[in-house]
Amino acid sequence: MSQAFHIGELATRTGRSIHALRWYEAQGLMPGVIRDSGNRRVYSELHLSWIDLIHRLRRTGMSIAQIRMRHS
């Protein structure tokens, strides 16, 4: 089973701000984010992979709009 964690740990593990992670989710770039009984976001190792992919694509010069188009 995959490890589950909240947004603060995802921010620490990815080096991204909590604000940026919420923005990525709002932009539709992080699929499958669920909420726990306290309505807190719950992330998995899959989300770590998504953030890494987004970072790599951005480093190639790809825009968020282009990433969003490729993702949908």
PDB file of N, CA and C in Angstrom:
ATOM      1  N   MET A   1       0.842  -1.188   0.000  1.00  0.00           N
ATOM      2  CA  MET A   1       0.000   0.000   0.000  1.00  0.00           C
ATOM      3  C   MET A   1       0.883   1.246   0.000  1.00  0.00           C
ATOM      4  N   SER A   2       0.451   2.239  -0.700  1.00  0.00           N
ATOM      5  CA  SER A   2       1.195   3.481  -0.838  1.00  0.00           C
ATOM      6  C   SER A   2       1.097   4.323   0.440  1.00  0.00           C
ATOM      7  N   GLN A   3       2.169   5.019   0.738  1.00  0.00           N
ATOM      8  CA  GLN A   3       2.188   5.912   1.902  1.00  0.00           C
ATOM      9  C   GLN A   3       1.288   7.114   1.641  1.00  0.00           C
ATOM     10  N   ALA A   4       0.544   7.532   2.645  1.00  0.00           N
ATOM     11  CA  ALA A   4      -0.325   8.705   2.551  1.00  0.00           C
ATOM     12  C   ALA A   4       0.227   9.804   3.438  1.00  0.00           C
ATOM     13  N   PHE A   5       0.116  11.040   2.969  1.00  0.00           N
ATOM     14  CA  PHE A   5       0.579  12.172   3.754  1.00  0.00           C
ATOM     15  C   PHE A   5      -0.194  13.417   3.377  1.00  0.00           C
ATOM     16  N   HIS A   6      -0.046  14.463   4.195  1.00  0.00           N
ATOM     17  CA  HIS A   6      -0.777  15.709   3.987  1.00  0.00           C
ATOM     18  C   HIS A   6       0.091  16.737   3.260  1.00  0.00           C
ATOM     19  N   ILE A   7      -0.493  17.869   2.984  1.00  0.00           N
ATOM     20  CA  ILE A   7       0.119  18.861   2.110  1.00  0.00           C
ATOM     21  C   ILE A   7       1.442  19.413   2.655  1.00  0.00           C
ATOM     22  N   GLY A   8       1.566  19.553   3.953  1.00  0.00           N
ATOM     23  CA  GLY A   8       2.825  20.064   4.514  1.00  0.00           C
ATOM     24  C   GLY A   8       3.987  19.138   4.211  1.00  0.00           C
ATOM     25  N   GLU A   9       3.757  17.842   4.337  1.00  0.00           N
ATOM     26  CA  GLU A   9       4.819  16.881   4.031  1.00  0.00           C
ATOM     27  C   GLU A   9       5.109  16.847   2.532  1.00  0.00           C
ATOM     28  N   LEU A  10       4.059  16.947   1.708  1.00  0.00           N
ATOM     29  CA  LEU A  10       4.281  16.994   0.255  1.00  0.00           C
ATOM     30  C   LEU A  10       5.123  18.221  -0.097  1.00  0.00           C
ATOM     31  N   ALA A  11       4.827  19.346   0.523  1.00  0.00           N
ATOM     32  CA  ALA A  11       5.599  20.570   0.280  1.00  0.00           C
ATOM     33  C   ALA A  11       7.058  20.365   0.674  1.00  0.00           C
ATOM     34  N   THR A  12       7.282  19.769   1.823  1.00  0.00           N
ATOM     35  CA  THR A  12       8.648  19.518   2.283  1.00  0.00           C
ATOM     36  C   THR A  12       9.379  18.568   1.343  1.00  0.00           C
ATOM     37  N   ARG A  13       8.709  17.510   0.943  1.00  0.00           N
ATOM     38  CA  ARG A  13       9.347  16.485   0.110  1.00  0.00           C
ATOM     39  C   ARG A  13       9.615  16.958  -1.312  1.00  0.00           C
ATOM     40  N   THR A  14       8.819  17.921  -1.817  1.00  0.00           N
ATOM     41  CA  THR A  14       8.985  18.387  -3.193  1.00  0.00           C
ATOM     42  C   THR A  14       9.717  19.717  -3.295  1.00  0.00           C
ATOM     43  N   GLY A  15       9.825  20.437  -2.180  1.00  0.00           N
ATOM     44  CA  GLY A  15      10.437  21.761  -2.232  1.00  0.00           C
ATOM     45  C   GLY A  15       9.513  22.815  -2.812  1.00  0.00           C
ATOM     46  N   ARG A  16       8.234  22.510  -2.921  1.00  0.00           N
ATOM     47  CA  ARG A  16       7.243  23.460  -3.425  1.00  0.00           C
ATOM     48  C   ARG A  16       6.463  24.020  -2.241  1.00  0.00           C
ATOM     49  N   SER A  17       5.921  25.194  -2.418  1.00  0.00           N
ATOM     50  CA  SER A  17       5.116  25.785  -1.350  1.00  0.00           C
ATOM     51  C   SER A  17       3.733  25.130  -1.318  1.00  0.00           C
ATOM     52  N   ILE A  18       3.101  25.230  -0.172  1.00  0.00           N
ATOM     53  CA  ILE A  18       1.729  24.735  -0.049  1.00  0.00           C
ATOM     54  C   ILE A  18       0.837  25.457  -1.048  1.00  0.00           C
ATOM     55  N   HIS A  19       1.046  26.751  -1.189  1.00  0.00           N
ATOM     56  CA  HIS A  19       0.263  27.541  -2.151  1.00  0.00           C
ATOM     57  C   HIS A  19       0.437  26.983  -3.562  1.00  0.00           C
ATOM     58  N   ALA A  20       1.661  26.690  -3.959  1.00  0.00           N
ATOM     59  CA  ALA A  20       1.916  26.157  -5.310  1.00  0.00           C
ATOM     60  C   ALA A  20       1.232  24.812  -5.503  1.00  0.00           C
ATOM     61  N   LEU A  21       1.286  23.966  -4.496  1.00  0.00           N
ATOM     62  CA  LEU A  21       0.651  22.648  -4.605  1.00  0.00           C
ATOM     63  C   LEU A  21      -0.856  22.771  -4.747  1.00  0.00           C
ATOM     64  N   ARG A  22      -1.453  23.664  -3.992  1.00  0.00           N
ATOM     65  CA  ARG A  22      -2.902  23.889  -4.125  1.00  0.00           C
ATOM     66  C   ARG A  22      -3.230  24.439  -5.508  1.00  0.00           C
ATOM     67  N   TRP A  23      -2.356  25.305  -6.018  1.00  0.00           N
ATOM     68  CA  TRP A  23      -2.568  25.881  -7.341  1.00  0.00           C
ATOM     69  C   TRP A  23      -2.470  24.790  -8.411  1.00  0.00           C
ATOM     70  N   TYR A  24      -1.466  23.914  -8.315  1.00  0.00           N
ATOM     71  CA  TYR A  24      -1.351  22.798  -9.263  1.00  0.00           C
ATOM     72  C   TYR A  24      -2.625  21.968  -9.265  1.00  0.00           C
ATOM     73  N   GLU A  25      -3.147  21.702  -8.098  1.00  0.00           N
ATOM     74  CA  GLU A  25      -4.386  20.923  -8.008  1.00  0.00           C
ATOM     75  C   GLU A  25      -5.542  21.672  -8.660  1.00  0.00           C
ATOM     76  N   ALA A  26      -5.659  22.964  -8.382  1.00  0.00           N
ATOM     77  CA  ALA A  26      -6.728  23.775  -8.972  1.00  0.00           C
ATOM     78  C   ALA A  26      -6.630  23.829 -10.492  1.00  0.00           C
ATOM     79  N   GLN A  27      -5.416  23.736 -11.018  1.00  0.00           N
ATOM     80  CA  GLN A  27      -5.195  23.762 -12.460  1.00  0.00           C
ATOM     81  C   GLN A  27      -5.431  22.394 -13.110  1.00  0.00           C
ATOM     82  N   GLY A  28      -5.759  21.404 -12.300  1.00  0.00           N
ATOM     83  CA  GLY A  28      -6.027  20.075 -12.834  1.00  0.00           C
ATOM     84  C   GLY A  28      -4.780  19.273 -13.131  1.00  0.00           C
ATOM     85  N   LEU A  29      -3.664  19.632 -12.502  1.00  0.00           N
ATOM     86  CA  LEU A  29      -2.392  18.973 -12.784  1.00  0.00           C
ATOM     87  C   LEU A  29      -2.068  17.834 -11.823  1.00  0.00           C
ATOM     88  N   MET A  30      -2.865  17.667 -10.785  1.00  0.00           N
ATOM     89  CA  MET A  30      -2.613  16.599  -9.816  1.00  0.00           C
ATOM     90  C   MET A  30      -3.887  15.781  -9.635  1.00  0.00           C
ATOM     91  N   PRO A  31      -3.993  14.678 -10.348  1.00  0.00           N
ATOM     92  CA  PRO A  31      -5.217  13.873 -10.275  1.00  0.00           C
ATOM     93  C   PRO A  31      -5.295  13.052  -8.986  1.00  0.00           C
ATOM     94  N   GLY A  32      -6.509  12.727  -8.615  1.00  0.00           N
ATOM     95  CA  GLY A  32      -6.729  11.773  -7.540  1.00  0.00           C
ATOM     96  C   GLY A  32      -6.455  12.250  -6.137  1.00  0.00           C
ATOM     97  N   VAL A  33      -6.502  13.558  -5.894  1.00  0.00           N
ATOM     98  CA  VAL A  33      -6.321  14.048  -4.525  1.00  0.00           C
ATOM     99  C   VAL A  33      -7.631  13.800  -3.785  1.00  0.00           C
ATOM    100  N   ILE A  34      -7.528  13.090  -2.679  1.00  0.00           N
ATOM    101  CA  ILE A  34      -8.719  12.808  -1.882  1.00  0.00           C
ATOM    102  C   ILE A  34      -8.666  13.626  -0.601  1.00  0.00           C
ATOM    103  N   ARG A  35      -9.753  13.614   0.127  1.00  0.00           N
ATOM    104  CA  ARG A  35      -9.844  14.328   1.413  1.00  0.00           C
ATOM    105  C   ARG A  35     -10.122  13.317   2.521  1.00  0.00           C
ATOM    106  N   ASP A  36      -9.537  13.568   3.675  1.00  0.00           N
ATOM    107  CA  ASP A  36      -9.792  12.692   4.818  1.00  0.00           C
ATOM    108  C   ASP A  36     -11.045  13.175   5.556  1.00  0.00           C
ATOM    109  N   SER A  37     -11.352  12.537   6.668  1.00  0.00           N
ATOM    110  CA  SER A  37     -12.554  12.881   7.420  1.00  0.00           C
ATOM    111  C   SER A  37     -12.527  14.311   7.958  1.00  0.00           C
ATOM    112  N   GLY A  38     -11.343  14.882   8.089  1.00  0.00           N
ATOM    113  CA  GLY A  38     -11.198  16.268   8.523  1.00  0.00           C
ATOM    114  C   GLY A  38     -11.147  17.240   7.358  1.00  0.00           C
ATOM    115  N   ASN A  39     -11.440  16.761   6.159  1.00  0.00           N
ATOM    116  CA  ASN A  39     -11.441  17.529   4.900  1.00  0.00           C
ATOM    117  C   ASN A  39     -10.044  18.021   4.503  1.00  0.00           C
ATOM    118  N   ARG A  40      -9.004  17.349   5.013  1.00  0.00           N
ATOM    119  CA  ARG A  40      -7.630  17.681   4.625  1.00  0.00           C
ATOM    120  C   ARG A  40      -7.243  16.855   3.406  1.00  0.00           C
ATOM    121  N   ARG A  41      -6.474  17.474   2.518  1.00  0.00           N
ATOM    122  CA  ARG A  41      -6.007  16.760   1.336  1.00  0.00           C
ATOM    123  C   ARG A  41      -5.085  15.611   1.761  1.00  0.00           C
ATOM    124  N   VAL A  42      -5.227  14.487   1.081  1.00  0.00           N
ATOM    125  CA  VAL A  42      -4.378  13.327   1.330  1.00  0.00           C
ATOM    126  C   VAL A  42      -3.674  12.978   0.024  1.00  0.00           C
ATOM    127  N   TYR A  43      -2.347  12.941   0.086  1.00  0.00           N
ATOM    128  CA  TYR A  43      -1.525  12.681  -1.090  1.00  0.00           C
ATOM    129  C   TYR A  43      -0.836  11.337  -0.970  1.00  0.00           C
ATOM    130  N   SER A  44      -0.371  10.840  -2.111  1.00  0.00           N
ATOM    131  CA  SER A  44       0.351   9.574  -2.138  1.00  0.00           C
ATOM    132  C   SER A  44       1.668   9.770  -2.883  1.00  0.00           C
ATOM    133  N   GLU A  45       2.401   8.701  -2.992  1.00  0.00           N
ATOM    134  CA  GLU A  45       3.661   8.758  -3.730  1.00  0.00           C
ATOM    135  C   GLU A  45       3.425   9.073  -5.209  1.00  0.00           C
ATOM    136  N   LEU A  46       2.238   8.745  -5.715  1.00  0.00           N
ATOM    137  CA  LEU A  46       1.881   9.112  -7.091  1.00  0.00           C
ATOM    138  C   LEU A  46       1.955  10.628  -7.271  1.00  0.00           C
ATOM    139  N   HIS A  47       1.502  11.364  -6.270  1.00  0.00           N
ATOM    140  CA  HIS A  47       1.535  12.828  -6.359  1.00  0.00           C
ATOM    141  C   HIS A  47       2.964  13.353  -6.357  1.00  0.00           C
ATOM    142  N   LEU A  48       3.852  12.691  -5.632  1.00  0.00           N
ATOM    143  CA  LEU A  48       5.274  13.062  -5.692  1.00  0.00           C
ATOM    144  C   LEU A  48       5.782  12.929  -7.125  1.00  0.00           C
ATOM    145  N   SER A  49       5.385  11.860  -7.781  1.00  0.00           N
ATOM    146  CA  SER A  49       5.801  11.635  -9.167  1.00  0.00           C
ATOM    147  C   SER A  49       5.240  12.705 -10.096  1.00  0.00           C
ATOM    148  N   TRP A  50       3.979  13.101  -9.878  1.00  0.00           N
ATOM    149  CA  TRP A  50       3.377  14.143 -10.703  1.00  0.00           C
ATOM    150  C   TRP A  50       4.125  15.466 -10.544  1.00  0.00           C
ATOM    151  N   ILE A  51       4.449  15.815  -9.315  1.00  0.00           N
ATOM    152  CA  ILE A  51       5.166  17.072  -9.076  1.00  0.00           C
ATOM    153  C   ILE A  51       6.535  17.029  -9.741  1.00  0.00           C
ATOM    154  N   ASP A  52       7.210  15.899  -9.646  1.00  0.00           N
ATOM    155  CA  ASP A  52       8.515  15.742 -10.302  1.00  0.00           C
ATOM    156  C   ASP A  52       8.367  15.899 -11.817  1.00  0.00           C
ATOM    157  N   LEU A  53       7.337  15.277 -12.394  1.00  0.00           N
ATOM    158  CA  LEU A  53       7.113  15.393 -13.832  1.00  0.00           C
ATOM    159  C   LEU A  53       6.831  16.836 -14.230  1.00  0.00           C
ATOM    160  N   ILE A  54       5.971  17.498 -13.485  1.00  0.00           N
ATOM    161  CA  ILE A  54       5.662  18.908 -13.782  1.00  0.00           C
ATOM    162  C   ILE A  54       6.941  19.742 -13.743  1.00  0.00           C
ATOM    163  N   HIS A  55       7.764  19.525 -12.720  1.00  0.00           N
ATOM    164  CA  HIS A  55       9.019  20.268 -12.594  1.00  0.00           C
ATOM    165  C   HIS A  55       9.926  20.008 -13.804  1.00  0.00           C
ATOM    166  N   ARG A  56      10.043  18.760 -14.214  1.00  0.00           N
ATOM    167  CA  ARG A  56      10.896  18.423 -15.362  1.00  0.00           C
ATOM    168  C   ARG A  56      10.370  19.060 -16.648  1.00  0.00           C
ATOM    169  N   LEU A  57       9.065  19.020 -16.844  1.00  0.00           N
ATOM    170  CA  LEU A  57       8.481  19.622 -18.043  1.00  0.00           C
ATOM    171  C   LEU A  57       8.672  21.130 -18.045  1.00  0.00           C
ATOM    172  N   ARG A  58       8.513  21.762 -16.893  1.00  0.00           N
ATOM    173  CA  ARG A  58       8.734  23.211 -16.805  1.00  0.00           C
ATOM    174  C   ARG A  58      10.178  23.566 -17.146  1.00  0.00           C
ATOM    175  N   ARG A  59      11.117  22.718 -16.727  1.00  0.00           N
ATOM    176  CA  ARG A  59      12.539  22.964 -17.024  1.00  0.00           C
ATOM    177  C   ARG A  59      12.833  22.868 -18.523  1.00  0.00           C
ATOM    178  N   THR A  60      11.986  22.166 -19.279  1.00  0.00           N
ATOM    179  CA  THR A  60      12.170  22.104 -20.735  1.00  0.00           C
ATOM    180  C   THR A  60      11.598  23.338 -21.416  1.00  0.00           C
ATOM    181  N   GLY A  61      10.911  24.179 -20.639  1.00  0.00           N
ATOM    182  CA  GLY A  61      10.308  25.372 -21.212  1.00  0.00           C
ATOM    183  C   GLY A  61       8.821  25.223 -21.482  1.00  0.00           C
ATOM    184  N   MET A  62       8.257  24.075 -21.154  1.00  0.00           N
ATOM    185  CA  MET A  62       6.839  23.855 -21.380  1.00  0.00           C
ATOM    186  C   MET A  62       6.027  24.695 -20.400  1.00  0.00           C
ATOM    187  N   SER A  63       4.988  25.313 -20.903  1.00  0.00           N
ATOM    188  CA  SER A  63       4.125  26.138 -20.054  1.00  0.00           C
ATOM    189  C   SER A  63       3.126  25.260 -19.299  1.00  0.00           C
ATOM    190  N   ILE A  64       2.536  25.823 -18.279  1.00  0.00           N
ATOM    191  CA  ILE A  64       1.500  25.112 -17.529  1.00  0.00           C
ATOM    192  C   ILE A  64       0.330  24.784 -18.459  1.00  0.00           C
ATOM    193  N   ALA A  65      -0.028  25.702 -19.344  1.00  0.00           N
ATOM    194  CA  ALA A  65      -1.116  25.444 -20.292  1.00  0.00           C
ATOM    195  C   ALA A  65      -0.793  24.236 -21.175  1.00  0.00           C
ATOM    196  N   GLN A  66       0.440  24.132 -21.627  1.00  0.00           N
ATOM    197  CA  GLN A  66       0.827  22.987 -22.453  1.00  0.00           C
ATOM    198  C   GLN A  66       0.800  21.693 -21.644  1.00  0.00           C
ATOM    199  N   ILE A  67       1.273  21.744 -20.409  1.00  0.00           N
ATOM    200  CA  ILE A  67       1.231  20.559 -19.545  1.00  0.00           C
ATOM    201  C   ILE A  67      -0.212  20.145 -19.315  1.00  0.00           C
ATOM    202  N   ARG A  68      -1.077  21.106 -19.066  1.00  0.00           N
ATOM    203  CA  ARG A  68      -2.483  20.824 -18.843  1.00  0.00           C
ATOM    204  C   ARG A  68      -3.103  20.151 -20.059  1.00  0.00           C
ATOM    205  N   MET A  69      -2.762  20.617 -21.254  1.00  0.00           N
ATOM    206  CA  MET A  69      -3.287  20.026 -22.486  1.00  0.00           C
ATOM    207  C   MET A  69      -2.814  18.590 -22.651  1.00  0.00           C
ATOM    208  N   ARG A  70      -1.581  18.317 -22.312  1.00  0.00           N
ATOM    209  CA  ARG A  70      -1.014  16.970 -22.438  1.00  0.00           C
ATOM    210  C   ARG A  70      -1.627  16.026 -21.413  1.00  0.00           C
ATOM    211  N   HIS A  71      -2.001  16.584 -20.277  1.00  0.00           N
ATOM    212  CA  HIS A  71      -2.524  15.800 -19.158  1.00  0.00           C
ATOM    213  C   HIS A  71      -3.970  15.407 -19.388  1.00  0.00           C
ATOM    214  N   SER A  72      -4.740  16.245 -20.041  1.00  0.00           N
ATOM    215  CA  SER A  72      -6.190  15.987 -20.184  1.00  0.00           C
ATOM    216  C   SER A  72      -6.513  14.968 -21.240  1.00  0.00           C
TER     217      SER A  72
END
